[in-house]
N, C-alpha and C. Protein backbone atom coordinates (compact mmCIF):
# COMPACT_ATOMS: atom_id res chain seq x y z
N ILE A 1 2.78 48.35 -13.21
CA ILE A 1 3.96 48.01 -12.42
C ILE A 1 4.35 49.22 -11.60
N VAL A 2 4.62 48.98 -10.33
CA VAL A 2 5.11 50.03 -9.45
C VAL A 2 6.57 49.73 -9.15
N VAL A 3 7.46 50.63 -9.56
CA VAL A 3 8.88 50.49 -9.24
C VAL A 3 9.07 51.07 -7.85
N CYS A 4 9.40 50.20 -6.91
CA CYS A 4 9.51 50.61 -5.51
C CYS A 4 10.76 51.44 -5.26
N CYS A 5 10.65 52.35 -4.34
CA CYS A 5 11.77 53.15 -3.90
C CYS A 5 11.74 53.14 -2.38
N PRO A 6 12.81 52.79 -1.69
CA PRO A 6 14.05 52.30 -2.27
C PRO A 6 13.81 50.94 -2.93
N ARG A 7 14.53 50.71 -3.99
CA ARG A 7 14.29 49.50 -4.77
C ARG A 7 14.58 48.23 -3.99
N THR A 8 15.42 48.32 -2.98
CA THR A 8 15.74 47.12 -2.18
C THR A 8 14.84 47.00 -0.96
N THR A 9 13.92 47.90 -0.77
CA THR A 9 13.03 47.98 0.41
C THR A 9 13.84 48.01 1.70
N LYS A 10 15.00 48.65 1.65
CA LYS A 10 15.89 48.71 2.81
C LYS A 10 15.14 49.26 4.02
N GLY A 11 15.33 48.60 5.15
CA GLY A 11 14.66 49.02 6.37
C GLY A 11 13.20 48.60 6.44
N GLY A 12 12.76 47.79 5.46
CA GLY A 12 11.37 47.33 5.47
C GLY A 12 10.37 48.42 5.16
N LYS A 13 10.83 49.48 4.50
CA LYS A 13 9.94 50.61 4.22
C LYS A 13 10.02 51.01 2.76
N LEU A 14 8.99 51.71 2.34
CA LEU A 14 8.93 52.29 1.00
C LEU A 14 8.90 53.81 1.14
N SER A 15 9.35 54.50 0.10
CA SER A 15 9.34 55.96 0.13
C SER A 15 7.91 56.48 0.14
N SER A 16 7.74 57.72 0.56
CA SER A 16 6.40 58.32 0.57
C SER A 16 5.83 58.38 -0.84
N GLN A 17 6.69 58.56 -1.85
CA GLN A 17 6.23 58.61 -3.24
C GLN A 17 5.67 57.24 -3.65
N THR A 18 6.37 56.16 -3.30
CA THR A 18 5.91 54.82 -3.64
C THR A 18 4.62 54.49 -2.90
N VAL A 19 4.57 54.84 -1.62
CA VAL A 19 3.35 54.60 -0.82
C VAL A 19 2.18 55.36 -1.42
N SER A 20 2.41 56.59 -1.83
CA SER A 20 1.36 57.41 -2.44
C SER A 20 0.86 56.79 -3.74
N GLU A 21 1.78 56.29 -4.56
CA GLU A 21 1.37 55.66 -5.81
C GLU A 21 0.52 54.41 -5.54
N MET A 22 0.94 53.62 -4.56
CA MET A 22 0.17 52.42 -4.22
C MET A 22 -1.17 52.78 -3.60
N GLU A 23 -1.21 53.85 -2.83
CA GLU A 23 -2.47 54.31 -2.23
C GLU A 23 -3.46 54.71 -3.32
N THR A 24 -2.98 55.39 -4.34
CA THR A 24 -3.85 55.78 -5.46
C THR A 24 -4.42 54.53 -6.12
N LEU A 25 -3.59 53.55 -6.34
CA LEU A 25 -4.06 52.30 -6.94
C LEU A 25 -5.07 51.60 -6.03
N ARG A 26 -4.81 51.59 -4.73
CA ARG A 26 -5.75 50.97 -3.78
C ARG A 26 -7.10 51.69 -3.80
N GLN A 27 -7.07 53.03 -3.83
CA GLN A 27 -8.32 53.80 -3.84
C GLN A 27 -9.19 53.42 -5.02
N HIS A 28 -8.55 53.12 -6.14
CA HIS A 28 -9.29 52.75 -7.35
C HIS A 28 -9.40 51.23 -7.50
N ARG A 29 -8.97 50.52 -6.46
CA ARG A 29 -9.00 49.05 -6.45
C ARG A 29 -8.32 48.47 -7.70
N MET A 30 -7.18 49.06 -8.05
CA MET A 30 -6.43 48.60 -9.21
C MET A 30 -5.25 47.73 -8.74
N PRO A 31 -5.27 46.47 -9.09
CA PRO A 31 -4.16 45.58 -8.73
C PRO A 31 -2.87 46.04 -9.39
N PHE A 32 -1.75 45.68 -8.78
CA PHE A 32 -0.46 46.07 -9.34
C PHE A 32 0.57 44.99 -9.05
N ILE A 33 1.66 45.08 -9.80
CA ILE A 33 2.83 44.24 -9.58
C ILE A 33 3.95 45.17 -9.15
N ALA A 34 4.67 44.79 -8.12
CA ALA A 34 5.74 45.63 -7.58
C ALA A 34 7.09 45.14 -8.11
N TYR A 35 7.95 46.09 -8.43
CA TYR A 35 9.31 45.77 -8.84
C TYR A 35 10.28 46.22 -7.76
N VAL A 36 11.10 45.31 -7.30
CA VAL A 36 12.14 45.60 -6.31
C VAL A 36 13.45 45.03 -6.83
N GLU A 37 14.54 45.34 -6.15
CA GLU A 37 15.82 44.78 -6.54
C GLU A 37 16.46 44.04 -5.38
N ARG A 38 17.26 43.10 -5.74
CA ARG A 38 17.99 42.27 -4.80
C ARG A 38 19.01 43.13 -4.04
N GLY A 39 19.27 42.80 -2.78
CA GLY A 39 20.36 43.45 -2.08
C GLY A 39 19.99 44.09 -0.77
N ASP A 40 20.98 44.75 -0.15
CA ASP A 40 20.88 45.47 1.12
C ASP A 40 20.56 44.57 2.31
N GLY A 41 20.84 43.27 2.19
CA GLY A 41 20.63 42.38 3.32
C GLY A 41 19.18 42.09 3.63
N VAL A 42 18.29 42.42 2.69
CA VAL A 42 16.85 42.18 2.88
C VAL A 42 16.51 40.90 2.12
N THR A 43 15.88 39.94 2.79
CA THR A 43 15.55 38.67 2.14
C THR A 43 14.45 38.89 1.10
N PHE A 44 14.34 37.92 0.20
CA PHE A 44 13.32 38.00 -0.84
C PHE A 44 11.93 38.04 -0.21
N VAL A 45 11.73 37.27 0.83
CA VAL A 45 10.42 37.24 1.50
C VAL A 45 10.14 38.59 2.16
N GLN A 46 11.12 39.18 2.81
CA GLN A 46 10.91 40.48 3.44
C GLN A 46 10.55 41.54 2.40
N LYS A 47 11.20 41.50 1.26
CA LYS A 47 10.88 42.44 0.17
C LYS A 47 9.42 42.26 -0.27
N ALA A 48 9.05 41.00 -0.48
CA ALA A 48 7.69 40.70 -0.94
C ALA A 48 6.65 41.07 0.11
N MET A 49 6.95 40.86 1.38
CA MET A 49 6.01 41.20 2.45
C MET A 49 5.75 42.70 2.51
N VAL A 50 6.79 43.51 2.30
CA VAL A 50 6.61 44.96 2.29
C VAL A 50 5.60 45.33 1.20
N CYS A 51 5.76 44.74 0.03
CA CYS A 51 4.86 45.04 -1.09
C CYS A 51 3.46 44.49 -0.86
N GLN A 52 3.37 43.28 -0.33
CA GLN A 52 2.06 42.68 -0.05
C GLN A 52 1.29 43.53 0.95
N ARG A 53 1.96 43.95 2.03
CA ARG A 53 1.29 44.79 3.04
C ARG A 53 0.87 46.14 2.45
N ALA A 54 1.69 46.69 1.57
CA ALA A 54 1.37 47.99 0.98
C ALA A 54 0.13 47.91 0.08
N GLY A 55 -0.20 46.73 -0.39
CA GLY A 55 -1.35 46.57 -1.26
C GLY A 55 -2.65 46.24 -0.56
N VAL A 56 -2.62 46.06 0.75
CA VAL A 56 -3.84 45.70 1.49
C VAL A 56 -4.71 46.93 1.68
N LEU A 57 -6.00 46.76 1.41
CA LEU A 57 -6.95 47.85 1.60
C LEU A 57 -7.07 48.20 3.07
N GLU A 58 -7.36 49.47 3.33
CA GLU A 58 -7.58 49.89 4.72
C GLU A 58 -8.77 49.12 5.27
N LYS A 59 -8.77 48.92 6.57
CA LYS A 59 -9.83 48.13 7.21
C LYS A 59 -11.22 48.64 6.86
N ALA A 60 -11.39 49.96 6.82
CA ALA A 60 -12.71 50.54 6.53
C ALA A 60 -13.17 50.22 5.11
N LYS A 61 -12.22 49.91 4.21
CA LYS A 61 -12.56 49.67 2.81
C LYS A 61 -12.59 48.19 2.48
N GLN A 62 -12.41 47.32 3.48
CA GLN A 62 -12.42 45.89 3.23
C GLN A 62 -13.85 45.41 3.03
N PRO A 63 -14.00 44.26 2.39
CA PRO A 63 -15.34 43.73 2.14
C PRO A 63 -16.12 43.53 3.44
N PRO A 64 -17.46 43.65 3.39
CA PRO A 64 -18.30 43.49 4.58
C PRO A 64 -18.33 42.03 5.04
N ASN A 65 -19.04 41.80 6.13
CA ASN A 65 -19.26 40.46 6.70
C ASN A 65 -17.98 39.80 7.18
N GLY A 66 -16.99 40.60 7.55
CA GLY A 66 -15.78 40.04 8.12
C GLY A 66 -14.88 39.33 7.12
N ALA A 67 -15.19 39.43 5.84
CA ALA A 67 -14.34 38.78 4.84
C ALA A 67 -12.97 39.44 4.84
N THR A 68 -11.95 38.65 4.66
CA THR A 68 -10.59 39.20 4.66
C THR A 68 -10.26 39.73 3.28
N SER A 69 -9.67 40.89 3.27
CA SER A 69 -9.26 41.49 2.01
C SER A 69 -7.88 41.01 1.63
N GLU A 70 -7.72 40.62 0.41
CA GLU A 70 -6.41 40.24 -0.09
C GLU A 70 -5.68 41.50 -0.53
N SER A 71 -4.41 41.37 -0.70
CA SER A 71 -3.60 42.48 -1.16
C SER A 71 -3.85 42.73 -2.64
N LEU A 72 -3.85 43.98 -3.03
CA LEU A 72 -3.96 44.33 -4.44
C LEU A 72 -2.62 44.16 -5.15
N CYS A 73 -1.59 43.87 -4.38
CA CYS A 73 -0.29 43.53 -4.97
C CYS A 73 -0.40 42.10 -5.47
N LEU A 74 -0.40 41.93 -6.79
CA LEU A 74 -0.58 40.60 -7.37
C LEU A 74 0.69 39.77 -7.38
N GLY A 75 1.82 40.45 -7.28
CA GLY A 75 3.08 39.73 -7.32
C GLY A 75 4.24 40.70 -7.22
N VAL A 76 5.42 40.14 -7.05
CA VAL A 76 6.63 40.93 -6.91
C VAL A 76 7.67 40.41 -7.90
N ILE A 77 8.26 41.34 -8.63
CA ILE A 77 9.37 41.02 -9.52
C ILE A 77 10.64 41.52 -8.84
N VAL A 78 11.62 40.63 -8.70
CA VAL A 78 12.90 41.00 -8.10
C VAL A 78 13.93 41.08 -9.21
N GLY A 79 14.53 42.25 -9.36
CA GLY A 79 15.60 42.41 -10.34
C GLY A 79 16.91 41.92 -9.75
N ASN A 80 17.59 41.05 -10.47
CA ASN A 80 18.87 40.55 -9.99
C ASN A 80 19.92 41.65 -10.12
N THR A 81 20.74 41.81 -9.12
CA THR A 81 21.80 42.82 -9.16
C THR A 81 23.15 42.20 -8.85
N ALA A 82 23.18 40.89 -8.59
CA ALA A 82 24.41 40.23 -8.13
C ALA A 82 25.35 39.92 -9.28
N ALA A 83 26.62 40.20 -9.05
CA ALA A 83 27.67 39.82 -9.98
C ALA A 83 28.42 38.64 -9.37
N SER A 84 29.14 37.93 -10.19
CA SER A 84 29.91 36.80 -9.68
C SER A 84 31.01 37.32 -8.76
N SER A 85 31.58 36.43 -7.96
CA SER A 85 32.60 36.85 -6.99
C SER A 85 33.80 37.49 -7.68
N GLY A 86 34.05 37.15 -8.93
CA GLY A 86 35.14 37.78 -9.69
C GLY A 86 34.73 39.12 -10.27
N GLY A 87 33.46 39.49 -10.09
CA GLY A 87 32.94 40.75 -10.62
C GLY A 87 32.47 40.59 -12.06
N GLY A 88 31.78 41.57 -12.53
CA GLY A 88 31.38 41.61 -13.93
C GLY A 88 30.14 40.82 -14.27
N ASN A 89 30.30 39.54 -14.53
CA ASN A 89 29.19 38.72 -15.01
C ASN A 89 28.12 38.54 -13.94
N GLU A 90 26.90 38.55 -14.42
CA GLU A 90 25.75 38.36 -13.53
C GLU A 90 25.66 36.90 -13.08
N VAL A 91 25.28 36.69 -11.84
CA VAL A 91 25.02 35.35 -11.34
C VAL A 91 23.66 34.94 -11.89
N TRP A 92 23.66 34.03 -12.87
CA TRP A 92 22.40 33.62 -13.49
C TRP A 92 22.59 32.25 -14.10
N PRO A 93 21.67 31.34 -13.98
CA PRO A 93 20.43 31.52 -13.25
C PRO A 93 20.67 31.57 -11.74
N TYR A 94 19.77 32.24 -11.06
CA TYR A 94 19.86 32.37 -9.61
C TYR A 94 18.56 31.83 -9.03
N VAL A 95 18.68 31.00 -8.03
CA VAL A 95 17.50 30.42 -7.39
C VAL A 95 17.25 31.13 -6.07
N MET A 96 16.10 31.80 -5.98
CA MET A 96 15.73 32.44 -4.72
C MET A 96 15.35 31.34 -3.73
N GLN A 97 15.79 31.48 -2.50
CA GLN A 97 15.48 30.49 -1.48
C GLN A 97 14.95 31.15 -0.23
N ASP A 98 14.16 30.40 0.49
CA ASP A 98 13.62 30.86 1.76
C ASP A 98 14.11 29.92 2.85
N THR A 99 15.40 29.95 3.12
CA THR A 99 15.99 29.02 4.08
C THR A 99 15.51 29.26 5.51
N LYS A 100 15.02 30.47 5.79
CA LYS A 100 14.54 30.80 7.15
C LYS A 100 13.05 30.49 7.32
N LYS A 101 12.41 30.01 6.26
CA LYS A 101 10.97 29.70 6.27
C LYS A 101 10.13 30.93 6.63
N GLU A 102 10.57 32.11 6.18
CA GLU A 102 9.86 33.35 6.48
C GLU A 102 8.50 33.44 5.77
N ALA A 103 8.41 32.87 4.58
CA ALA A 103 7.14 32.95 3.83
C ALA A 103 6.00 32.36 4.64
N GLN A 104 6.26 31.24 5.25
CA GLN A 104 5.24 30.57 6.06
C GLN A 104 5.01 31.35 7.36
N THR A 105 6.09 31.78 7.99
CA THR A 105 5.99 32.50 9.27
C THR A 105 5.23 33.81 9.12
N PHE A 106 5.53 34.57 8.06
CA PHE A 106 4.95 35.90 7.89
C PHE A 106 3.67 35.90 7.05
N GLY A 107 3.33 34.78 6.44
CA GLY A 107 2.09 34.71 5.66
C GLY A 107 2.19 35.30 4.27
N LEU A 108 3.29 35.06 3.59
CA LEU A 108 3.45 35.56 2.22
C LEU A 108 2.48 34.83 1.31
N LYS A 109 1.72 35.60 0.54
CA LYS A 109 0.73 35.00 -0.37
C LYS A 109 0.98 35.35 -1.82
N VAL A 110 1.72 36.43 -2.07
CA VAL A 110 1.92 36.85 -3.46
C VAL A 110 3.10 36.10 -4.08
N PRO A 111 3.01 35.79 -5.36
CA PRO A 111 4.13 35.11 -6.02
C PRO A 111 5.30 36.08 -6.22
N VAL A 112 6.50 35.54 -6.19
CA VAL A 112 7.71 36.33 -6.35
C VAL A 112 8.57 35.67 -7.43
N VAL A 113 9.02 36.46 -8.40
CA VAL A 113 9.89 35.95 -9.45
C VAL A 113 11.12 36.84 -9.56
N MET A 114 12.21 36.28 -10.05
CA MET A 114 13.41 37.06 -10.28
C MET A 114 13.65 37.15 -11.78
N ILE A 115 14.13 38.32 -12.21
CA ILE A 115 14.48 38.50 -13.61
C ILE A 115 15.95 38.93 -13.70
N ARG A 116 16.52 38.76 -14.86
CA ARG A 116 17.93 39.13 -15.08
C ARG A 116 18.13 40.63 -14.89
N ARG A 117 19.36 41.00 -14.55
CA ARG A 117 19.71 42.40 -14.31
C ARG A 117 19.32 43.28 -15.51
N GLU A 118 19.68 42.84 -16.70
CA GLU A 118 19.41 43.63 -17.91
C GLU A 118 17.90 43.85 -18.11
N ASP A 119 17.10 42.82 -17.86
CA ASP A 119 15.65 42.94 -18.00
C ASP A 119 15.08 43.88 -16.94
N GLY A 120 15.64 43.83 -15.74
CA GLY A 120 15.21 44.75 -14.68
C GLY A 120 15.50 46.19 -15.05
N MET A 121 16.69 46.44 -15.64
CA MET A 121 17.04 47.80 -16.04
C MET A 121 16.10 48.30 -17.14
N ARG A 122 15.73 47.40 -18.06
CA ARG A 122 14.77 47.79 -19.11
C ARG A 122 13.41 48.14 -18.51
N LEU A 123 12.98 47.35 -17.55
CA LEU A 123 11.69 47.59 -16.90
C LEU A 123 11.69 48.94 -16.19
N VAL A 124 12.76 49.26 -15.48
CA VAL A 124 12.87 50.54 -14.78
C VAL A 124 12.89 51.69 -15.79
N GLN A 125 13.62 51.53 -16.89
CA GLN A 125 13.66 52.58 -17.93
C GLN A 125 12.28 52.78 -18.54
N TRP A 126 11.55 51.68 -18.79
CA TRP A 126 10.20 51.80 -19.34
C TRP A 126 9.30 52.56 -18.37
N ALA A 127 9.38 52.23 -17.09
CA ALA A 127 8.54 52.89 -16.09
C ALA A 127 8.89 54.37 -16.00
N LYS A 128 10.17 54.70 -16.11
CA LYS A 128 10.58 56.11 -16.05
C LYS A 128 10.02 56.88 -17.24
N ARG A 129 10.09 56.29 -18.43
CA ARG A 129 9.53 56.95 -19.62
C ARG A 129 8.02 57.12 -19.46
N ARG A 130 7.36 56.10 -18.93
CA ARG A 130 5.91 56.16 -18.70
C ARG A 130 5.58 57.31 -17.75
N ASP A 131 6.35 57.43 -16.66
CA ASP A 131 6.09 58.47 -15.67
C ASP A 131 6.37 59.86 -16.21
N GLU A 132 7.34 59.97 -17.13
CA GLU A 132 7.70 61.27 -17.68
C GLU A 132 6.77 61.73 -18.79
N SER A 133 6.01 60.79 -19.34
CA SER A 133 5.08 61.18 -20.41
C SER A 133 3.95 62.00 -19.81
N ASN A 134 3.29 62.75 -20.64
CA ASN A 134 2.23 63.62 -20.15
C ASN A 134 0.86 62.99 -20.27
N ASN A 135 0.82 61.68 -20.29
CA ASN A 135 -0.48 60.99 -20.37
C ASN A 135 -1.26 61.27 -19.10
N GLU A 136 -2.56 61.49 -19.27
CA GLU A 136 -3.40 61.73 -18.09
C GLU A 136 -3.51 60.47 -17.25
N SER A 137 -3.47 59.33 -17.88
CA SER A 137 -3.57 58.08 -17.14
C SER A 137 -2.31 57.27 -17.35
N GLN A 138 -1.66 56.93 -16.26
CA GLN A 138 -0.45 56.11 -16.35
C GLN A 138 -0.80 54.63 -16.34
N TYR A 139 -2.03 54.30 -16.05
CA TYR A 139 -2.39 52.91 -15.83
C TYR A 139 -3.37 52.44 -16.89
N THR A 140 -3.10 51.28 -17.43
CA THR A 140 -3.96 50.68 -18.42
C THR A 140 -4.57 49.43 -17.80
N PRO A 141 -5.89 49.44 -17.60
CA PRO A 141 -6.51 48.24 -17.04
C PRO A 141 -6.26 47.04 -17.93
N CYS A 142 -5.94 45.93 -17.34
CA CYS A 142 -5.72 44.71 -18.11
C CYS A 142 -6.00 43.53 -17.19
N ARG A 143 -6.11 42.40 -17.77
CA ARG A 143 -6.32 41.17 -17.00
C ARG A 143 -5.02 40.39 -17.02
N ILE A 144 -4.60 39.96 -15.85
CA ILE A 144 -3.38 39.17 -15.73
C ILE A 144 -3.76 37.83 -15.13
N ASN A 145 -3.44 36.78 -15.83
CA ASN A 145 -3.67 35.44 -15.32
C ASN A 145 -2.35 34.90 -14.81
N ILE A 146 -2.30 34.58 -13.53
CA ILE A 146 -1.09 34.04 -12.94
C ILE A 146 -1.31 32.57 -12.63
N HIS A 147 -0.49 31.75 -13.21
CA HIS A 147 -0.56 30.31 -12.96
C HIS A 147 0.67 29.94 -12.16
N SER A 148 0.46 29.31 -11.04
CA SER A 148 1.61 28.92 -10.22
C SER A 148 1.36 27.55 -9.64
N LYS A 149 2.45 26.93 -9.25
CA LYS A 149 2.30 25.67 -8.56
C LYS A 149 2.88 25.84 -7.18
N GLN A 150 2.37 25.11 -6.23
CA GLN A 150 2.82 25.23 -4.84
C GLN A 150 4.27 24.80 -4.75
N ALA A 151 5.01 25.53 -3.93
CA ALA A 151 6.41 25.20 -3.69
C ALA A 151 6.64 25.15 -2.19
N ASN A 152 7.53 24.32 -1.75
CA ASN A 152 7.82 24.21 -0.33
C ASN A 152 9.00 25.05 0.08
N SER A 153 9.64 25.73 -0.84
CA SER A 153 10.80 26.54 -0.45
C SER A 153 10.63 27.96 -0.92
């Protein structure tokens, strides 16, 4: 998991540290899941597109014979940060929507899921502990099977 910075992908960009981490993963052809957070006026699709584009191999490293390379970003987890209008309690369940049809317009291919605020905070804390440990390898190869059904929204 790559915890993106800025977490909201504000401005449609990622920090040089996040880009560097994703570049290392791309060099080793290691797929990843990106973690972002809700907010800053950036739509869910825009957040996912930033991560999807960041996972695409450079043209020189794409498969031969004109085959298109898919993104090594396997999916995006969006941490919910919204509180109810009265404050305090989290808005949950929350349904992410693509009312502007951006996914189709921009070619979003990676799945996007939202998790509760508390679970997002745990995920960020886990990633921080992982990064602070002195392990030579931060990444454990594993197989992830993603099952999804087509959605129109």
